[in-house]
Amino acid sequence: MPDFKLQLKTFVEMLRNIEDEFKLHSLTPNEQAVFFTIMKSDEVCNISKIVDESGLSRSTVYKILRKLEDNNLVCLLYTSDAADE
């Protein structure tokens, strides 16, 4: 059991370091939801996937994506089929 506690402590410390490095504590809950939806995706994440998984409106997701990009947390790729999204 002590090994599990040590592993858990190490994991929590890693998460805190990541949060500090990316300044995630300054994001709103909606911004965090969008950011984590993108981060857990195994592939390029499109707007429809973010809207579906976050439960936020399309316009809210677009606003948040622009803010995340302005803060250099994500890089948006605009494709020719983006109009279909």
Protein backbone atom coordinates (compact mmCIF):
# COMPACT_ATOMS: atom_id res chain seq x y z
CA MET A 1 0.00 0.00 0.00
CA PRO A 2 2.79 2.52 0.73
CA ASP A 3 4.00 2.08 -2.86
CA PHE A 4 0.56 3.10 -4.15
CA LYS A 5 0.55 6.20 -1.96
CA LEU A 6 3.99 7.19 -3.22
CA GLN A 7 2.89 6.69 -6.83
CA LEU A 8 -0.24 8.72 -6.23
CA LYS A 9 1.74 11.52 -4.58
CA THR A 10 4.18 11.57 -7.50
CA PHE A 11 1.31 11.67 -9.99
CA VAL A 12 -0.39 14.57 -8.20
CA GLU A 13 2.89 16.50 -8.12
CA MET A 14 3.30 15.94 -11.86
CA LEU A 15 -0.21 17.22 -12.50
CA ARG A 16 0.46 20.32 -10.42
CA ASN A 17 3.66 20.99 -12.34
CA ILE A 18 1.81 20.67 -15.64
CA GLU A 19 -0.93 22.96 -14.39
CA ASP A 20 1.65 25.53 -13.29
CA GLU A 21 3.67 25.29 -16.49
CA PHE A 22 0.66 25.80 -18.75
CA LYS A 23 -1.03 28.20 -16.30
CA LEU A 24 -4.17 26.06 -16.42
CA HIS A 25 -5.33 27.38 -13.05
CA SER A 26 -6.05 30.71 -14.78
CA LEU A 27 -8.52 29.09 -17.21
CA THR A 28 -12.25 29.08 -16.60
CA PRO A 29 -13.99 25.71 -16.20
CA ASN A 30 -15.27 25.95 -19.80
CA GLU A 31 -11.79 26.76 -21.10
CA GLN A 32 -10.40 23.81 -19.15
CA ALA A 33 -13.09 21.55 -20.61
CA VAL A 34 -12.14 22.53 -24.16
CA PHE A 35 -8.41 22.26 -23.46
CA PHE A 36 -8.69 18.81 -21.87
CA THR A 37 -11.00 17.59 -24.66
CA ILE A 38 -8.28 18.48 -27.14
CA MET A 39 -5.49 17.01 -25.03
CA LYS A 40 -7.18 13.65 -24.57
CA SER A 41 -7.85 13.27 -28.28
CA ASP A 42 -5.65 10.72 -30.04
CA GLU A 43 -5.89 12.55 -33.32
CA VAL A 44 -6.54 15.99 -34.73
CA CYS A 45 -9.56 17.30 -32.89
CA ASN A 46 -12.23 19.10 -34.91
CA ILE A 47 -14.80 21.60 -33.66
CA SER A 48 -17.68 19.11 -33.78
CA LYS A 49 -15.85 16.69 -31.50
CA ILE A 50 -15.08 19.45 -29.00
CA VAL A 51 -18.71 20.65 -29.02
CA ASP A 52 -20.02 17.10 -28.56
CA GLU A 53 -17.64 16.13 -25.77
CA SER A 54 -17.64 19.43 -23.86
CA GLY A 55 -21.38 20.07 -24.11
CA LEU A 56 -20.68 23.72 -24.93
CA SER A 57 -22.20 25.67 -27.78
CA ARG A 58 -20.31 26.00 -31.05
CA SER A 59 -19.90 29.76 -30.65
CA THR A 60 -18.57 29.35 -27.10
CA VAL A 61 -16.06 26.74 -28.27
CA TYR A 62 -14.87 29.04 -31.09
CA LYS A 63 -14.33 31.91 -28.63
CA ILE A 64 -12.46 29.65 -26.23
CA LEU A 65 -10.30 28.20 -29.02
CA ARG A 66 -9.25 31.70 -30.07
CA LYS A 67 -8.34 32.54 -26.47
CA LEU A 68 -6.38 29.30 -26.05
CA GLU A 69 -4.55 30.03 -29.29
CA ASP A 70 -3.79 33.60 -28.17
CA ASN A 71 -2.26 32.10 -25.00
CA ASN A 72 -0.22 29.62 -27.09
CA LEU A 73 -1.94 26.60 -25.52
CA VAL A 74 -3.26 25.25 -28.82
CA CYS A 75 -2.51 25.72 -32.48
CA LEU A 76 -5.54 25.97 -34.74
CA LEU A 77 -5.36 24.47 -38.21
CA TYR A 78 -7.81 25.78 -40.75
CA THR A 79 -8.64 23.36 -43.54
CA SER A 80 -10.73 23.63 -46.67
CA ASP A 81 -13.36 21.33 -45.16
CA ALA A 82 -13.61 23.54 -42.04
CA ALA A 83 -16.64 25.22 -43.58
CA ASP A 84 -18.44 21.88 -43.37
CA GLU A 85 -17.86 21.78 -39.62
